[in-house]
Amino acid sequence: MTDCCVRALVTGKVQGVWFRRATQEKALQHSLTGYAKNLPDGRVEVLMCGHSDAVKLLSEWLWQGPEGAQVTHVELDVLDDCRAPSHFATH
């Protein structure tokens, strides 16, 4: 398999439920880099970069999220021209 970067926009009750921190923990378990940040419209944006199998696993987990989250939609966008960050951050 190959490395890739995918941007996810996660909709639902995803702010104020430790979604970003839980996403960071899952990403680090799978050796992914990127970020998770709250958006002004209530969604969370997640950038996942690394091995495509690991990105797929985290992408699937985003539909569940941490306890307390109620995810209603996840939009995924594969990024062709993306420089992978060196770590996984929360903003």
PDB file of N, CA and C in Angstrom:
ATOM      1  N   MET A   1       0.839  -1.192   0.000  1.00  0.00           N
ATOM      2  CA  MET A   1       0.000   0.000   0.000  1.00  0.00           C
ATOM      3  C   MET A   1       0.877   1.247   0.000  1.00  0.00           C
ATOM      4  N   THR A   2       0.218   2.390  -0.072  1.00  0.00           N
ATOM      5  CA  THR A   2       0.941   3.635  -0.214  1.00  0.00           C
ATOM      6  C   THR A   2       0.489   4.648   0.831  1.00  0.00           C
ATOM      7  N   ASP A   3       1.239   5.732   0.925  1.00  0.00           N
ATOM      8  CA  ASP A   3       0.860   6.813   1.833  1.00  0.00           C
ATOM      9  C   ASP A   3      -0.093   7.768   1.137  1.00  0.00           C
ATOM     10  N   CYS A   4      -0.951   8.403   1.939  1.00  0.00           N
ATOM     11  CA  CYS A   4      -1.899   9.366   1.388  1.00  0.00           C
ATOM     12  C   CYS A   4      -2.299  10.359   2.470  1.00  0.00           C
ATOM     13  N   CYS A   5      -2.947  11.424   2.047  1.00  0.00           N
ATOM     14  CA  CYS A   5      -3.541  12.401   2.961  1.00  0.00           C
ATOM     15  C   CYS A   5      -5.013  12.531   2.603  1.00  0.00           C
ATOM     16  N   VAL A   6      -5.851  12.498   3.630  1.00  0.00           N
ATOM     17  CA  VAL A   6      -7.295  12.635   3.457  1.00  0.00           C
ATOM     18  C   VAL A   6      -7.794  13.683   4.438  1.00  0.00           C
ATOM     19  N   ARG A   7      -8.652  14.574   3.944  1.00  0.00           N
ATOM     20  CA  ARG A   7      -9.297  15.555   4.815  1.00  0.00           C
ATOM     21  C   ARG A   7     -10.724  15.088   5.067  1.00  0.00           C
ATOM     22  N   ALA A   8     -11.128  15.108   6.326  1.00  0.00           N
ATOM     23  CA  ALA A   8     -12.492  14.732   6.706  1.00  0.00           C
ATOM     24  C   ALA A   8     -13.168  15.915   7.366  1.00  0.00           C
ATOM     25  N   LEU A   9     -14.448  16.118   7.027  1.00  0.00           N
ATOM     26  CA  LEU A   9     -15.286  17.086   7.716  1.00  0.00           C
ATOM     27  C   LEU A   9     -16.357  16.280   8.438  1.00  0.00           C
ATOM     28  N   VAL A  10     -16.350  16.364   9.766  1.00  0.00           N
ATOM     29  CA  VAL A  10     -17.220  15.543  10.597  1.00  0.00           C
ATOM     30  C   VAL A  10     -18.338  16.414  11.155  1.00  0.00           C
ATOM     31  N   THR A  11     -19.576  15.991  10.910  1.00  0.00           N
ATOM     32  CA  THR A  11     -20.762  16.747  11.303  1.00  0.00           C
ATOM     33  C   THR A  11     -21.520  16.005  12.387  1.00  0.00           C
ATOM     34  N   GLY A  12     -22.173  16.752  13.254  1.00  0.00           N
ATOM     35  CA  GLY A  12     -22.984  16.186  14.333  1.00  0.00           C
ATOM     36  C   GLY A  12     -22.600  16.843  15.643  1.00  0.00           C
ATOM     37  N   LYS A  13     -22.838  16.144  16.732  1.00  0.00           N
ATOM     38  CA  LYS A  13     -22.405  16.632  18.044  1.00  0.00           C
ATOM     39  C   LYS A  13     -20.963  16.183  18.226  1.00  0.00           C
ATOM     40  N   VAL A  14     -20.050  17.014  17.732  1.00  0.00           N
ATOM     41  CA  VAL A  14     -18.639  16.634  17.712  1.00  0.00           C
ATOM     42  C   VAL A  14     -17.745  17.674  18.382  1.00  0.00           C
ATOM     43  N   GLN A  15     -18.332  18.727  18.915  1.00  0.00           N
ATOM     44  CA  GLN A  15     -17.549  19.701  19.678  1.00  0.00           C
ATOM     45  C   GLN A  15     -17.999  19.638  21.128  1.00  0.00           C
ATOM     46  N   GLY A  16     -17.041  19.762  22.039  1.00  0.00           N
ATOM     47  CA  GLY A  16     -17.348  19.691  23.459  1.00  0.00           C
ATOM     48  C   GLY A  16     -17.486  18.274  23.986  1.00  0.00           C
ATOM     49  N   VAL A  17     -17.042  17.284  23.203  1.00  0.00           N
ATOM     50  CA  VAL A  17     -17.138  15.870  23.618  1.00  0.00           C
ATOM     51  C   VAL A  17     -15.775  15.168  23.492  1.00  0.00           C
ATOM     52  N   TRP A  18     -14.693  15.924  23.516  1.00  0.00           N
ATOM     53  CA  TRP A  18     -13.334  15.388  23.414  1.00  0.00           C
ATOM     54  C   TRP A  18     -13.063  14.709  22.077  1.00  0.00           C
ATOM     55  N   PHE A  19     -13.756  15.140  21.025  1.00  0.00           N
ATOM     56  CA  PHE A  19     -13.598  14.513  19.710  1.00  0.00           C
ATOM     57  C   PHE A  19     -12.188  14.712  19.167  1.00  0.00           C
ATOM     58  N   ARG A  20     -11.675  15.935  19.258  1.00  0.00           N
ATOM     59  CA  ARG A  20     -10.331  16.200  18.706  1.00  0.00           C
ATOM     60  C   ARG A  20      -9.262  15.392  19.436  1.00  0.00           C
ATOM     61  N   ARG A  21      -9.320  15.373  20.753  1.00  0.00           N
ATOM     62  CA  ARG A  21      -8.307  14.653  21.537  1.00  0.00           C
ATOM     63  C   ARG A  21      -8.386  13.147  21.266  1.00  0.00           C
ATOM     64  N   ALA A  22      -9.595  12.587  21.211  1.00  0.00           N
ATOM     65  CA  ALA A  22      -9.753  11.157  20.932  1.00  0.00           C
ATOM     66  C   ALA A  22      -9.257  10.828  19.523  1.00  0.00           C
ATOM     67  N   THR A  23      -9.507  11.735  18.577  1.00  0.00           N
ATOM     68  CA  THR A  23      -9.021  11.538  17.210  1.00  0.00           C
ATOM     69  C   THR A  23      -7.503  11.538  17.185  1.00  0.00           C
ATOM     70  N   GLN A  24      -6.900  12.452  17.925  1.00  0.00           N
ATOM     71  CA  GLN A  24      -5.439  12.502  18.002  1.00  0.00           C
ATOM     72  C   GLN A  24      -4.885  11.204  18.576  1.00  0.00           C
ATOM     73  N   GLU A  25      -5.503  10.689  19.638  1.00  0.00           N
ATOM     74  CA  GLU A  25      -5.034   9.441  20.242  1.00  0.00           C
ATOM     75  C   GLU A  25      -5.113   8.285  19.251  1.00  0.00           C
ATOM     76  N   LYS A  26      -6.229   8.188  18.520  1.00  0.00           N
ATOM     77  CA  LYS A  26      -6.384   7.127  17.519  1.00  0.00           C
ATOM     78  C   LYS A  26      -5.355   7.289  16.398  1.00  0.00           C
ATOM     79  N   ALA A  27      -5.147   8.518  15.952  1.00  0.00           N
ATOM     80  CA  ALA A  27      -4.180   8.776  14.882  1.00  0.00           C
ATOM     81  C   ALA A  27      -2.781   8.353  15.306  1.00  0.00           C
ATOM     82  N   LEU A  28      -2.397   8.695  16.518  1.00  0.00           N
ATOM     83  CA  LEU A  28      -1.066   8.341  17.003  1.00  0.00           C
ATOM     84  C   LEU A  28      -0.920   6.827  17.147  1.00  0.00           C
ATOM     85  N   GLN A  29      -1.994   6.119  17.528  1.00  0.00           N
ATOM     86  CA  GLN A  29      -1.955   4.660  17.610  1.00  0.00           C
ATOM     87  C   GLN A  29      -1.649   4.040  16.247  1.00  0.00           C
ATOM     88  N   HIS A  30      -2.063   4.730  15.182  1.00  0.00           N
ATOM     89  CA  HIS A  30      -1.876   4.226  13.818  1.00  0.00           C
ATOM     90  C   HIS A  30      -0.723   4.921  13.085  1.00  0.00           C
ATOM     91  N   SER A  31       0.095   5.668  13.824  1.00  0.00           N
ATOM     92  CA  SER A  31       1.268   6.361  13.269  1.00  0.00           C
ATOM     93  C   SER A  31       0.899   7.357  12.164  1.00  0.00           C
ATOM     94  N   LEU A  32      -0.236   8.030  12.331  1.00  0.00           N
ATOM     95  CA  LEU A  32      -0.663   9.040  11.365  1.00  0.00           C
ATOM     96  C   LEU A  32      -0.256  10.426  11.835  1.00  0.00           C
ATOM     97  N   THR A  33      -0.078  11.325  10.873  1.00  0.00           N
ATOM     98  CA  THR A  33       0.148  12.726  11.178  1.00  0.00           C
ATOM     99  C   THR A  33      -1.040  13.525  10.650  1.00  0.00           C
ATOM    100  N   GLY A  34      -1.098  14.793  11.028  1.00  0.00           N
ATOM    101  CA  GLY A  34      -2.188  15.653  10.564  1.00  0.00           C
ATOM    102  C   GLY A  34      -2.686  16.535  11.683  1.00  0.00           C
ATOM    103  N   TYR A  35      -4.002  16.755  11.729  1.00  0.00           N
ATOM    104  CA  TYR A  35      -4.581  17.594  12.778  1.00  0.00           C
ATOM    105  C   TYR A  35      -6.076  17.338  12.886  1.00  0.00           C
ATOM    106  N   ALA A  36      -6.628  17.805  14.001  1.00  0.00           N
ATOM    107  CA  ALA A  36      -8.075  17.852  14.199  1.00  0.00           C
ATOM    108  C   ALA A  36      -8.379  19.236  14.762  1.00  0.00           C
ATOM    109  N   LYS A  37      -9.307  19.945  14.130  1.00  0.00           N
ATOM    110  CA  LYS A  37      -9.625  21.289  14.625  1.00  0.00           C
ATOM    111  C   LYS A  37     -11.118  21.566  14.511  1.00  0.00           C
ATOM    112  N   ASN A  38     -11.607  22.331  15.494  1.00  0.00           N
ATOM    113  CA  ASN A  38     -12.992  22.767  15.475  1.00  0.00           C
ATOM    114  C   ASN A  38     -13.176  23.835  14.408  1.00  0.00           C
ATOM    115  N   LEU A  39     -14.302  23.772  13.714  1.00  0.00           N
ATOM    116  CA  LEU A  39     -14.669  24.793  12.745  1.00  0.00           C
ATOM    117  C   LEU A  39     -15.775  25.664  13.337  1.00  0.00           C
ATOM    118  N   PRO A  40     -15.865  26.924  12.903  1.00  0.00           N
ATOM    119  CA  PRO A  40     -16.881  27.827  13.456  1.00  0.00           C
ATOM    120  C   PRO A  40     -18.317  27.336  13.264  1.00  0.00           C
ATOM    121  N   ASP A  41     -18.552  26.494  12.265  1.00  0.00           N
ATOM    122  CA  ASP A  41     -19.920  26.027  11.994  1.00  0.00           C
ATOM    123  C   ASP A  41     -20.308  24.794  12.813  1.00  0.00           C
ATOM    124  N   GLY A  42     -19.446  24.348  13.739  1.00  0.00           N
ATOM    125  CA  GLY A  42     -19.770  23.224  14.610  1.00  0.00           C
ATOM    126  C   GLY A  42     -19.192  21.897  14.172  1.00  0.00           C
ATOM    127  N   ARG A  43     -18.618  21.845  12.978  1.00  0.00           N
ATOM    128  CA  ARG A  43     -17.991  20.607  12.510  1.00  0.00           C
ATOM    129  C   ARG A  43     -16.563  20.521  13.029  1.00  0.00           C
ATOM    130  N   VAL A  44     -15.966  19.351  12.852  1.00  0.00           N
ATOM    131  CA  VAL A  44     -14.540  19.150  13.131  1.00  0.00           C
ATOM    132  C   VAL A  44     -13.874  18.767  11.817  1.00  0.00           C
ATOM    133  N   GLU A  45     -12.766  19.438  11.500  1.00  0.00           N
ATOM    134  CA  GLU A  45     -11.967  19.104  10.329  1.00  0.00           C
ATOM    135  C   GLU A  45     -10.795  18.250  10.787  1.00  0.00           C
ATOM    136  N   VAL A  46     -10.567  17.146  10.071  1.00  0.00           N
ATOM    137  CA  VAL A  46      -9.480  16.228  10.410  1.00  0.00           C
ATOM    138  C   VAL A  46      -8.628  16.004   9.165  1.00  0.00           C
ATOM    139  N   LEU A  47      -7.326  16.190   9.308  1.00  0.00           N
ATOM    140  CA  LEU A  47      -6.378  15.840   8.250  1.00  0.00           C
ATOM    141  C   LEU A  47      -5.636  14.604   8.718  1.00  0.00           C
ATOM    142  N   MET A  48      -5.674  13.546   7.900  1.00  0.00           N
ATOM    143  CA  MET A  48      -5.025  12.275   8.234  1.00  0.00           C
ATOM    144  C   MET A  48      -4.011  11.953   7.151  1.00  0.00           C
ATOM    145  N   CYS A  49      -2.750  11.817   7.526  1.00  0.00           N
ATOM    146  CA  CYS A  49      -1.702  11.500   6.561  1.00  0.00           C
ATOM    147  C   CYS A  49      -0.905  10.297   7.056  1.00  0.00           C
ATOM    148  N   GLY A  50      -0.647   9.376   6.133  1.00  0.00           N
ATOM    149  CA  GLY A  50       0.141   8.195   6.470  1.00  0.00           C
ATOM    150  C   GLY A  50      -0.248   7.033   5.587  1.00  0.00           C
ATOM    151  N   HIS A  51       0.026   5.836   6.075  1.00  0.00           N
ATOM    152  CA  HIS A  51      -0.259   4.612   5.331  1.00  0.00           C
ATOM    153  C   HIS A  51      -1.756   4.533   5.045  1.00  0.00           C
ATOM    154  N   SER A  52      -2.113   4.201   3.826  1.00  0.00           N
ATOM    155  CA  SER A  52      -3.521   4.230   3.408  1.00  0.00           C
ATOM    156  C   SER A  52      -4.407   3.310   4.245  1.00  0.00           C
ATOM    157  N   ASP A  53      -3.885   2.173   4.712  1.00  0.00           N
ATOM    158  CA  ASP A  53      -4.685   1.288   5.562  1.00  0.00           C
ATOM    159  C   ASP A  53      -5.023   1.958   6.892  1.00  0.00           C
ATOM    160  N   ALA A  54      -4.050   2.662   7.461  1.00  0.00           N
ATOM    161  CA  ALA A  54      -4.263   3.354   8.729  1.00  0.00           C
ATOM    162  C   ALA A  54      -5.235   4.518   8.549  1.00  0.00           C
ATOM    163  N   VAL A  55      -5.099   5.238   7.434  1.00  0.00           N
ATOM    164  CA  VAL A  55      -6.022   6.342   7.137  1.00  0.00           C
ATOM    165  C   VAL A  55      -7.446   5.799   7.013  1.00  0.00           C
ATOM    166  N   LYS A  56      -7.592   4.656   6.371  1.00  0.00           N
ATOM    167  CA  LYS A  56      -8.918   4.044   6.218  1.00  0.00           C
ATOM    168  C   LYS A  56      -9.509   3.687   7.580  1.00  0.00           C
ATOM    169  N   LEU A  57      -8.699   3.108   8.469  1.00  0.00           N
ATOM    170  CA  LEU A  57      -9.180   2.744   9.800  1.00  0.00           C
ATOM    171  C   LEU A  57      -9.644   3.964  10.587  1.00  0.00           C
ATOM    172  N   LEU A  58      -8.848   5.033  10.556  1.00  0.00           N
ATOM    173  CA  LEU A  58      -9.251   6.246  11.280  1.00  0.00           C
ATOM    174  C   LEU A  58     -10.481   6.872  10.639  1.00  0.00           C
ATOM    175  N   SER A  59     -10.553   6.842   9.317  1.00  0.00           N
ATOM    176  CA  SER A  59     -11.729   7.384   8.621  1.00  0.00           C
ATOM    177  C   SER A  59     -12.997   6.662   9.064  1.00  0.00           C
ATOM    178  N   GLU A  60     -12.910   5.352   9.219  1.00  0.00           N
ATOM    179  CA  GLU A  60     -14.070   4.575   9.674  1.00  0.00           C
ATOM    180  C   GLU A  60     -14.406   4.895  11.124  1.00  0.00           C
ATOM    181  N   TRP A  61     -13.393   5.071  11.968  1.00  0.00           N
ATOM    182  CA  TRP A  61     -13.621   5.390  13.376  1.00  0.00           C
ATOM    183  C   TRP A  61     -14.307   6.748  13.537  1.00  0.00           C
ATOM    184  N   LEU A  62     -14.038   7.684  12.627  1.00  0.00           N
ATOM    185  CA  LEU A  62     -14.650   9.010  12.732  1.00  0.00           C
ATOM    186  C   LEU A  62     -16.168   8.937  12.771  1.00  0.00           C
ATOM    187  N   TRP A  63     -16.771   7.936  12.143  1.00  0.00           N
ATOM    188  CA  TRP A  63     -18.228   7.765  12.172  1.00  0.00           C
ATOM    189  C   TRP A  63     -18.726   7.462  13.576  1.00  0.00           C
ATOM    190  N   GLN A  64     -17.875   6.885  14.413  1.00  0.00           N
ATOM    191  CA  GLN A  64     -18.235   6.551  15.793  1.00  0.00           C
ATOM    192  C   GLN A  64     -17.822   7.675  16.733  1.00  0.00           C
ATOM    193  N   GLY A  65     -16.545   8.029  16.684  1.00  0.00           N
ATOM    194  CA  GLY A  65     -16.021   9.041  17.587  1.00  0.00           C
ATOM    195  C   GLY A  65     -15.996   8.557  19.024  1.00  0.00           C
ATOM    196  N   PRO A  66     -15.649   9.459  19.936  1.00  0.00           N
ATOM    197  CA  PRO A  66     -15.585   9.089  21.350  1.00  0.00           C
ATOM    198  C   PRO A  66     -16.990   9.022  21.962  1.00  0.00           C
ATOM    199  N   GLU A  67     -17.042   8.486  23.170  1.00  0.00           N
ATOM    200  CA  GLU A  67     -18.310   8.450  23.905  1.00  0.00           C
ATOM    201  C   GLU A  67     -18.842   9.876  24.051  1.00  0.00           C
ATOM    202  N   GLY A  68     -20.105  10.071  23.794  1.00  0.00           N
ATOM    203  CA  GLY A  68     -20.703  11.396  23.878  1.00  0.00           C
ATOM    204  C   GLY A  68     -20.878  12.069  22.528  1.00  0.00           C
ATOM    205  N   ALA A  69     -20.122  11.618  21.544  1.00  0.00           N
ATOM    206  CA  ALA A  69     -20.257  12.185  20.199  1.00  0.00           C
ATOM    207  C   ALA A  69     -21.463  11.553  19.500  1.00  0.00           C
ATOM    208  N   GLN A  70     -22.097  12.334  18.637  1.00  0.00           N
ATOM    209  CA  GLN A  70     -23.198  11.835  17.807  1.00  0.00           C
ATOM    210  C   GLN A  70     -22.915  12.286  16.380  1.00  0.00           C
ATOM    211  N   VAL A  71     -22.201  11.470  15.640  1.00  0.00           N
ATOM    212  CA  VAL A  71     -21.786  11.811  14.281  1.00  0.00           C
ATOM    213  C   VAL A  71     -22.935  11.537  13.319  1.00  0.00           C
ATOM    214  N   THR A  72     -23.256  12.544  12.509  1.00  0.00           N
ATOM    215  CA  THR A  72     -24.326  12.385  11.527  1.00  0.00           C
ATOM    216  C   THR A  72     -23.803  12.299  10.100  1.00  0.00           C
ATOM    217  N   HIS A  73     -22.581  12.796   9.856  1.00  0.00           N
ATOM    218  CA  HIS A  73     -22.034  12.762   8.494  1.00  0.00           C
ATOM    219  C   HIS A  73     -20.522  12.922   8.545  1.00  0.00           C
ATOM    220  N   VAL A  74     -19.830  12.207   7.668  1.00  0.00           N
ATOM    221  CA  VAL A  74     -18.384  12.371   7.485  1.00  0.00           C
ATOM    222  C   VAL A  74     -18.143  12.516   5.992  1.00  0.00           C
ATOM    223  N   GLU A  75     -17.589  13.650   5.604  1.00  0.00           N
ATOM    224  CA  GLU A  75     -17.239  13.908   4.201  1.00  0.00           C
ATOM    225  C   GLU A  75     -15.734  13.733   4.057  1.00  0.00           C
ATOM    226  N   LEU A  76     -15.307  12.885   3.137  1.00  0.00           N
ATOM    227  CA  LEU A  76     -13.883  12.603   2.932  1.00  0.00           C
ATOM    228  C   LEU A  76     -13.413  13.149   1.600  1.00  0.00           C
ATOM    229  N   ASP A  77     -12.215  13.710   1.593  1.00  0.00           N
ATOM    230  CA  ASP A  77     -11.628  14.266   0.387  1.00  0.00           C
ATOM    231  C   ASP A  77     -10.159  13.859   0.331  1.00  0.00           C
ATOM    232  N   VAL A  78      -9.780  13.042  -0.658  1.00  0.00           N
ATOM    233  CA  VAL A  78      -8.380  12.646  -0.830  1.00  0.00           C
ATOM    234  C   VAL A  78      -7.625  13.827  -1.427  1.00  0.00           C
ATOM    235  N   LEU A  79      -6.523  14.201  -0.782  1.00  0.00           N
ATOM    236  CA  LEU A  79      -5.739  15.354  -1.215  1.00  0.00           C
ATOM    237  C   LEU A  79      -4.540  14.885  -2.025  1.00  0.00           C
ATOM    238  N   ASP A  80      -4.459  15.354  -3.262  1.00  0.00           N
ATOM    239  CA  ASP A  80      -3.359  14.957  -4.137  1.00  0.00           C
ATOM    240  C   ASP A  80      -2.074  15.723  -3.839  1.00  0.00           C
ATOM    241  N   ASP A  81      -2.182  17.028  -3.632  1.00  0.00           N
ATOM    242  CA  ASP A  81      -1.000  17.866  -3.383  1.00  0.00           C
ATOM    243  C   ASP A  81      -0.991  18.300  -1.928  1.00  0.00           C
ATOM    244  N   CYS A  82      -0.590  17.398  -1.064  1.00  0.00           N
ATOM    245  CA  CYS A  82      -0.591  17.687   0.365  1.00  0.00           C
ATOM    246  C   CYS A  82       0.745  17.287   0.952  1.00  0.00           C
ATOM    247  N   ARG A  83       1.381  18.220   1.657  1.00  0.00           N
ATOM    248  CA  ARG A  83       2.599  17.887   2.387  1.00  0.00           C
ATOM    249  C   ARG A  83       2.202  17.396   3.767  1.00  0.00           C
ATOM    250  N   ALA A  84       2.533  16.184   4.072  1.00  0.00           N
ATOM    251  CA  ALA A  84       2.165  15.606   5.366  1.00  0.00           C
ATOM    252  C   ALA A  84       2.920  16.320   6.491  1.00  0.00           C
ATOM    253  N   PRO A  85       2.196  16.726   7.529  1.00  0.00           N
ATOM    254  CA  PRO A  85       2.877  17.330   8.694  1.00  0.00           C
ATOM    255  C   PRO A  85       3.727  16.280   9.407  1.00  0.00           C
ATOM    256  N   SER A  86       4.597  16.736  10.290  1.00  0.00           N
ATOM    257  CA  SER A  86       5.510  15.824  10.985  1.00  0.00           C
ATOM    258  C   SER A  86       4.888  15.212  12.246  1.00  0.00           C
ATOM    259  N   HIS A  87       3.714  15.698  12.660  1.00  0.00           N
ATOM    260  CA  HIS A  87       3.067  15.207  13.882  1.00  0.00           C
ATOM    261  C   HIS A  87       1.552  15.345  13.738  1.00  0.00           C
ATOM    262  N   PHE A  88       0.806  14.956  14.763  1.00  0.00           N
ATOM    263  CA  PHE A  88      -0.642  15.123  14.755  1.00  0.00           C
ATOM    264  C   PHE A  88      -1.001  16.130  15.838  1.00  0.00           C
ATOM    265  N   ALA A  89      -1.626  17.226  15.453  1.00  0.00           N
ATOM    266  CA  ALA A  89      -1.936  18.320  16.372  1.00  0.00           C
ATOM    267  C   ALA A  89      -3.447  18.486  16.527  1.00  0.00           C
ATOM    268  N   THR A  90      -3.820  19.148  17.614  1.00  0.00           N
ATOM    269  CA  THR A  90      -5.221  19.579  17.772  1.00  0.00           C
ATOM    270  C   THR A  90      -5.209  21.100  17.844  1.00  0.00           C
ATOM    271  N   HIS A  91      -6.220  21.696  17.215  1.00  0.00           N
ATOM    272  CA  HIS A  91      -6.360  23.163  17.212  1.00  0.00           C
ATOM    273  C   HIS A  91      -7.730  23.522  17.736  1.00  0.00           C
TER     274      HIS A  91
END
